[in-house]
Amino acid sequence: MIPRVITTPAADQLIERLRAQHGPLLFLLSGGCCEGSVPNCYKVGEIQPGQTMLLLGEVCGAPFYLGHQEFVYYENSQLTLDVVSGGSGEFSLECGTGLAFKTRSRVFTDEELPQVAPAQRAC
């Protein structure tokens, strides 16, 4: 199966750093009003994905959720979780590190689509 979400080595390093500090993590990408469509990293248990969230997969062992309205836009795309220099949203655990998680997307090819991992309802 082709994963719906993947990471860069820089994202892997930051995820491991945050996990060492905070314990198990999860990611949530929604079309929120406050911080826009940015991936936010939370401690497991700090936030509960709602009924309209979809589990796209895992990144470094951390579940990665996407809002159902955003899924309509991204359903034929693979997301790459990356890290850039700069400030992150104040809700995400990387806040204050001088780094921020960002996503890029690419459209799956016609050949890849039948092999893409299915998204699952969060609840």
N, C-alpha and C. Protein backbone atom coordinates (compact mmCIF):
# COMPACT_ATOMS: atom_id res chain seq x y z
N MET A 1 0.83 -1.18 0.00
CA MET A 1 0.00 0.00 0.00
C MET A 1 0.89 1.25 0.00
N ILE A 2 0.43 2.24 -0.71
CA ILE A 2 1.13 3.52 -0.75
C ILE A 2 0.55 4.40 0.35
N PRO A 3 1.41 4.93 1.24
CA PRO A 3 0.89 5.74 2.34
C PRO A 3 0.35 7.08 1.87
N ARG A 4 -0.65 7.58 2.58
CA ARG A 4 -1.23 8.88 2.28
C ARG A 4 -0.40 10.02 2.86
N VAL A 5 0.40 9.72 3.87
CA VAL A 5 1.24 10.75 4.49
C VAL A 5 2.62 10.16 4.76
N ILE A 6 3.65 10.93 4.42
CA ILE A 6 5.03 10.53 4.63
C ILE A 6 5.78 11.69 5.29
N THR A 7 7.00 11.44 5.71
CA THR A 7 7.80 12.47 6.37
C THR A 7 9.15 12.64 5.69
N THR A 8 9.76 13.78 5.96
CA THR A 8 11.14 14.02 5.56
C THR A 8 12.04 13.66 6.74
N PRO A 9 13.34 13.48 6.51
CA PRO A 9 14.25 13.22 7.64
C PRO A 9 14.20 14.33 8.69
N ALA A 10 14.05 15.59 8.27
CA ALA A 10 13.97 16.69 9.23
C ALA A 10 12.73 16.55 10.12
N ALA A 11 11.62 16.15 9.53
CA ALA A 11 10.40 15.95 10.31
C ALA A 11 10.59 14.78 11.28
N ASP A 12 11.21 13.70 10.81
CA ASP A 12 11.48 12.55 11.68
C ASP A 12 12.27 12.98 12.91
N GLN A 13 13.29 13.79 12.71
CA GLN A 13 14.14 14.24 13.81
C GLN A 13 13.35 15.08 14.81
N LEU A 14 12.54 16.00 14.32
CA LEU A 14 11.76 16.84 15.23
C LEU A 14 10.71 16.02 15.96
N ILE A 15 10.08 15.09 15.28
CA ILE A 15 9.09 14.23 15.94
C ILE A 15 9.75 13.45 17.07
N GLU A 16 10.92 12.88 16.82
CA GLU A 16 11.62 12.11 17.86
C GLU A 16 12.02 13.01 19.04
N ARG A 17 12.45 14.23 18.74
CA ARG A 17 12.81 15.19 19.79
C ARG A 17 11.59 15.53 20.65
N LEU A 18 10.46 15.78 20.00
CA LEU A 18 9.24 16.10 20.74
C LEU A 18 8.72 14.90 21.53
N ARG A 19 8.84 13.72 20.96
CA ARG A 19 8.41 12.50 21.65
C ARG A 19 9.24 12.29 22.92
N ALA A 20 10.55 12.54 22.83
CA ALA A 20 11.42 12.39 24.00
C ALA A 20 11.01 13.36 25.12
N GLN A 21 10.54 14.54 24.74
CA GLN A 21 10.12 15.55 25.71
C GLN A 21 8.72 15.32 26.26
N HIS A 22 7.81 14.89 25.40
CA HIS A 22 6.38 14.90 25.74
C HIS A 22 5.71 13.54 25.77
N GLY A 23 6.36 12.50 25.28
CA GLY A 23 5.71 11.19 25.21
C GLY A 23 5.00 11.00 23.88
N PRO A 24 4.05 10.07 23.83
CA PRO A 24 3.35 9.77 22.57
C PRO A 24 2.67 11.00 21.98
N LEU A 25 2.72 11.08 20.64
CA LEU A 25 2.23 12.25 19.91
C LEU A 25 1.15 11.88 18.91
N LEU A 26 0.44 12.91 18.46
CA LEU A 26 -0.47 12.77 17.32
C LEU A 26 -0.46 14.07 16.54
N PHE A 27 -0.83 13.98 15.27
CA PHE A 27 -0.90 15.16 14.40
C PHE A 27 -2.33 15.36 13.93
N LEU A 28 -2.68 16.63 13.79
CA LEU A 28 -3.99 16.99 13.33
C LEU A 28 -3.84 18.11 12.30
N LEU A 29 -4.36 17.88 11.11
CA LEU A 29 -4.35 18.90 10.05
C LEU A 29 -5.80 19.23 9.75
N SER A 30 -6.20 20.43 10.11
CA SER A 30 -7.58 20.83 9.84
C SER A 30 -7.57 22.18 9.17
N GLY A 31 -8.70 22.58 8.70
CA GLY A 31 -8.83 23.88 8.06
C GLY A 31 -9.24 24.93 9.07
N GLY A 32 -8.65 24.86 10.25
CA GLY A 32 -9.03 25.73 11.35
C GLY A 32 -8.90 27.21 11.04
N CYS A 33 -9.62 28.00 11.79
CA CYS A 33 -9.64 29.44 11.56
C CYS A 33 -8.41 30.13 12.14
N CYS A 34 -7.92 29.68 13.27
CA CYS A 34 -6.86 30.39 13.97
C CYS A 34 -5.50 30.25 13.31
N GLU A 35 -5.18 29.05 12.90
CA GLU A 35 -3.85 28.81 12.36
C GLU A 35 -3.90 28.29 10.94
N GLY A 36 -5.06 28.32 10.34
CA GLY A 36 -5.17 27.86 8.97
C GLY A 36 -4.92 26.36 8.86
N SER A 37 -4.60 25.93 7.68
CA SER A 37 -4.35 24.51 7.43
C SER A 37 -2.88 24.19 7.65
N VAL A 38 -2.51 24.11 8.90
CA VAL A 38 -1.14 23.71 9.26
C VAL A 38 -1.24 22.47 10.12
N PRO A 39 -0.25 21.59 10.02
CA PRO A 39 -0.28 20.41 10.89
C PRO A 39 0.11 20.81 12.31
N ASN A 40 -0.70 20.42 13.25
CA ASN A 40 -0.41 20.66 14.65
C ASN A 40 -0.06 19.34 15.33
N CYS A 41 0.96 19.40 16.16
CA CYS A 41 1.43 18.23 16.90
C CYS A 41 0.98 18.37 18.35
N TYR A 42 0.37 17.32 18.87
CA TYR A 42 -0.14 17.32 20.24
C TYR A 42 0.34 16.07 20.98
N LYS A 43 0.32 16.17 22.31
CA LYS A 43 0.52 14.98 23.14
C LYS A 43 -0.74 14.14 23.01
N VAL A 44 -0.59 12.82 22.96
CA VAL A 44 -1.75 11.94 22.95
C VAL A 44 -2.54 12.21 24.23
N GLY A 45 -3.84 12.36 24.08
CA GLY A 45 -4.72 12.64 25.21
C GLY A 45 -4.98 14.12 25.41
N GLU A 46 -4.16 14.97 24.81
CA GLU A 46 -4.34 16.42 24.94
C GLU A 46 -5.53 16.90 24.11
N ILE A 47 -5.77 16.23 23.02
CA ILE A 47 -6.88 16.56 22.13
C ILE A 47 -7.44 15.25 21.58
N GLN A 48 -8.73 15.21 21.38
CA GLN A 48 -9.37 14.01 20.82
C GLN A 48 -9.85 14.33 19.42
N PRO A 49 -9.42 13.57 18.42
CA PRO A 49 -9.94 13.78 17.07
C PRO A 49 -11.46 13.58 17.07
N GLY A 50 -12.17 14.48 16.44
CA GLY A 50 -13.63 14.41 16.41
C GLY A 50 -14.16 13.39 15.42
N GLN A 51 -15.46 13.26 15.43
CA GLN A 51 -16.14 12.29 14.57
C GLN A 51 -15.95 12.58 13.09
N THR A 52 -15.65 13.80 12.75
CA THR A 52 -15.49 14.15 11.33
C THR A 52 -14.03 14.07 10.88
N MET A 53 -13.14 13.61 11.76
CA MET A 53 -11.73 13.48 11.41
C MET A 53 -11.47 12.11 10.79
N LEU A 54 -10.49 12.07 9.91
CA LEU A 54 -10.08 10.82 9.28
C LEU A 54 -8.62 10.54 9.62
N LEU A 55 -8.31 9.30 9.91
CA LEU A 55 -6.94 8.88 10.16
C LEU A 55 -6.31 8.54 8.81
N LEU A 56 -5.31 9.34 8.42
CA LEU A 56 -4.64 9.11 7.13
C LEU A 56 -3.56 8.05 7.23
N GLY A 57 -2.97 7.91 8.41
CA GLY A 57 -1.88 6.97 8.61
C GLY A 57 -1.08 7.40 9.81
N GLU A 58 0.16 6.93 9.87
CA GLU A 58 1.05 7.27 10.97
C GLU A 58 2.35 7.83 10.41
N VAL A 59 2.94 8.75 11.18
CA VAL A 59 4.26 9.29 10.86
C VAL A 59 5.13 9.05 12.09
N CYS A 60 6.18 8.28 11.93
CA CYS A 60 7.07 7.94 13.05
C CYS A 60 6.28 7.39 14.23
N GLY A 61 5.25 6.60 13.96
CA GLY A 61 4.45 6.01 15.02
C GLY A 61 3.37 6.92 15.59
N ALA A 62 3.26 8.14 15.09
CA ALA A 62 2.24 9.08 15.57
C ALA A 62 1.08 9.14 14.58
N PRO A 63 -0.15 8.95 15.04
CA PRO A 63 -1.30 9.04 14.14
C PRO A 63 -1.40 10.43 13.52
N PHE A 64 -1.82 10.47 12.26
CA PHE A 64 -1.96 11.73 11.52
C PHE A 64 -3.40 11.82 11.04
N TYR A 65 -4.14 12.80 11.58
CA TYR A 65 -5.56 12.98 11.27
C TYR A 65 -5.78 14.20 10.38
N LEU A 66 -6.83 14.11 9.59
CA LEU A 66 -7.20 15.17 8.67
C LEU A 66 -8.71 15.38 8.77
N GLY A 67 -9.14 16.64 8.75
CA GLY A 67 -10.57 16.93 8.76
C GLY A 67 -11.24 16.41 7.50
N HIS A 68 -12.48 15.96 7.62
CA HIS A 68 -13.17 15.38 6.46
C HIS A 68 -13.34 16.38 5.33
N GLN A 69 -13.53 17.66 5.65
CA GLN A 69 -13.67 18.66 4.58
C GLN A 69 -12.35 18.84 3.83
N GLU A 70 -11.24 18.76 4.54
CA GLU A 70 -9.93 18.85 3.89
C GLU A 70 -9.65 17.59 3.08
N PHE A 71 -10.17 16.46 3.55
CA PHE A 71 -9.95 15.21 2.82
C PHE A 71 -10.54 15.28 1.42
N VAL A 72 -11.65 15.96 1.27
CA VAL A 72 -12.25 16.12 -0.06
C VAL A 72 -11.23 16.75 -1.01
N TYR A 73 -10.46 17.67 -0.50
CA TYR A 73 -9.43 18.35 -1.30
C TYR A 73 -8.21 17.46 -1.51
N TYR A 74 -7.80 16.74 -0.46
CA TYR A 74 -6.54 15.97 -0.49
C TYR A 74 -6.70 14.48 -0.79
N GLU A 75 -7.91 14.00 -1.04
CA GLU A 75 -8.11 12.56 -1.14
C GLU A 75 -7.30 11.89 -2.24
N ASN A 76 -6.90 12.60 -3.27
CA ASN A 76 -6.09 12.03 -4.34
C ASN A 76 -4.63 12.47 -4.26
N SER A 77 -4.22 12.90 -3.06
CA SER A 77 -2.87 13.43 -2.89
C SER A 77 -2.15 12.73 -1.74
N GLN A 78 -0.84 12.70 -1.86
CA GLN A 78 0.01 12.25 -0.77
C GLN A 78 0.57 13.49 -0.08
N LEU A 79 0.47 13.52 1.24
CA LEU A 79 1.01 14.63 2.02
C LEU A 79 2.41 14.28 2.49
N THR A 80 3.30 15.25 2.44
CA THR A 80 4.65 15.10 2.99
C THR A 80 4.76 16.06 4.15
N LEU A 81 5.00 15.52 5.34
CA LEU A 81 5.21 16.34 6.52
C LEU A 81 6.68 16.72 6.56
N ASP A 82 6.94 18.02 6.60
CA ASP A 82 8.30 18.54 6.58
C ASP A 82 8.45 19.56 7.70
N VAL A 83 9.64 20.10 7.84
CA VAL A 83 9.95 21.11 8.85
C VAL A 83 10.61 22.28 8.15
N VAL A 84 10.22 23.49 8.56
CA VAL A 84 10.84 24.70 8.04
C VAL A 84 11.27 25.56 9.23
N SER A 85 12.20 26.45 8.99
CA SER A 85 12.61 27.39 10.02
C SER A 85 11.52 28.44 10.19
N GLY A 86 11.35 28.89 11.41
CA GLY A 86 10.37 29.92 11.67
C GLY A 86 9.43 29.51 12.78
N GLY A 87 8.49 30.35 13.02
CA GLY A 87 7.53 30.10 14.08
C GLY A 87 6.44 29.15 13.64
N SER A 88 5.95 28.41 14.60
CA SER A 88 4.83 27.51 14.33
C SER A 88 3.59 28.09 14.98
N GLY A 89 2.50 27.41 14.80
CA GLY A 89 1.28 27.82 15.48
C GLY A 89 1.44 27.63 16.98
N GLU A 90 0.78 28.47 17.73
CA GLU A 90 0.97 28.41 19.18
C GLU A 90 0.35 27.19 19.83
N PHE A 91 -0.47 26.44 19.11
CA PHE A 91 -1.09 25.25 19.68
C PHE A 91 -0.23 24.01 19.51
N SER A 92 0.74 24.04 18.62
CA SER A 92 1.53 22.87 18.29
C SER A 92 2.76 22.76 19.20
N LEU A 93 3.14 21.53 19.52
CA LEU A 93 4.24 21.30 20.46
C LEU A 93 5.59 21.85 20.02
N GLU A 94 5.80 22.08 18.73
CA GLU A 94 7.09 22.61 18.29
C GLU A 94 7.19 24.12 18.49
N CYS A 95 6.12 24.74 18.99
CA CYS A 95 6.13 26.17 19.26
C CYS A 95 7.31 26.51 20.18
N GLY A 96 8.07 27.51 19.80
CA GLY A 96 9.21 27.93 20.60
C GLY A 96 10.53 27.27 20.23
N THR A 97 10.50 26.33 19.29
CA THR A 97 11.74 25.65 18.89
C THR A 97 12.45 26.37 17.75
N GLY A 98 11.78 27.34 17.13
CA GLY A 98 12.33 27.99 15.94
C GLY A 98 12.07 27.19 14.68
N LEU A 99 11.28 26.12 14.81
CA LEU A 99 10.93 25.27 13.69
C LEU A 99 9.41 25.14 13.61
N ALA A 100 8.92 24.77 12.44
CA ALA A 100 7.49 24.59 12.26
C ALA A 100 7.24 23.42 11.31
N PHE A 101 6.25 22.60 11.64
CA PHE A 101 5.82 21.55 10.72
C PHE A 101 5.03 22.19 9.59
N LYS A 102 5.25 21.72 8.39
CA LYS A 102 4.52 22.15 7.20
C LYS A 102 4.22 20.92 6.36
N THR A 103 3.17 20.99 5.58
CA THR A 103 2.88 19.89 4.65
C THR A 103 2.96 20.39 3.22
N ARG A 104 3.39 19.48 2.37
CA ARG A 104 3.34 19.66 0.92
C ARG A 104 2.50 18.51 0.39
N SER A 105 1.95 18.68 -0.77
CA SER A 105 1.15 17.59 -1.34
C SER A 105 1.54 17.37 -2.80
N ARG A 106 1.31 16.17 -3.23
CA ARG A 106 1.46 15.82 -4.64
C ARG A 106 0.32 14.90 -5.01
N VAL A 107 -0.17 15.02 -6.21
CA VAL A 107 -1.29 14.20 -6.67
C VAL A 107 -0.76 12.81 -7.02
N PHE A 108 -1.48 11.79 -6.56
CA PHE A 108 -1.14 10.42 -6.92
C PHE A 108 -1.32 10.22 -8.42
N THR A 109 -0.50 9.38 -8.99
CA THR A 109 -0.66 9.03 -10.40
C THR A 109 -1.84 8.07 -10.54
N ASP A 110 -2.34 7.92 -11.76
CA ASP A 110 -3.42 6.96 -12.01
C ASP A 110 -3.00 5.55 -11.64
N GLU A 111 -1.72 5.24 -11.81
CA GLU A 111 -1.21 3.91 -11.48
C GLU A 111 -1.15 3.70 -9.96
N GLU A 112 -0.89 4.76 -9.22
CA GLU A 112 -0.78 4.66 -7.76
C GLU A 112 -2.13 4.56 -7.06
N LEU A 113 -3.15 5.23 -7.58
CA LEU A 113 -4.43 5.34 -6.89
C LEU A 113 -5.00 4.02 -6.38
N PRO A 114 -4.98 2.93 -7.17
CA PRO A 114 -5.54 1.68 -6.65
C PRO A 114 -4.74 1.10 -5.47
N GLN A 115 -3.52 1.59 -5.27
CA GLN A 115 -2.64 1.05 -4.23
C GLN A 115 -2.56 1.95 -2.99
N VAL A 116 -3.33 3.03 -2.98
CA VAL A 116 -3.26 3.99 -1.87
C VAL A 116 -3.98 3.42 -0.65
N ALA A 117 -3.35 3.58 0.51
CA ALA A 117 -3.95 3.12 1.76
C ALA A 117 -5.25 3.88 2.00
N PRO A 118 -6.28 3.19 2.48
CA PRO A 118 -7.55 3.88 2.73
C PRO A 118 -7.46 4.75 3.98
N ALA A 119 -8.20 5.84 3.98
CA ALA A 119 -8.35 6.65 5.18
C ALA A 119 -9.40 5.98 6.05
N GLN A 120 -9.28 6.17 7.37
CA GLN A 120 -10.23 5.55 8.31
C GLN A 120 -10.86 6.61 9.17
N ARG A 121 -12.11 6.40 9.55
CA ARG A 121 -12.77 7.33 10.47
C ARG A 121 -12.05 7.30 11.82
N ALA A 122 -11.92 8.47 12.44
CA ALA A 122 -11.22 8.58 13.71
C ALA A 122 -12.01 7.91 14.84
N CYS A 123 -13.32 7.98 14.81
CA CYS A 123 -14.14 7.43 15.90
C CYS A 123 -15.02 6.31 15.40
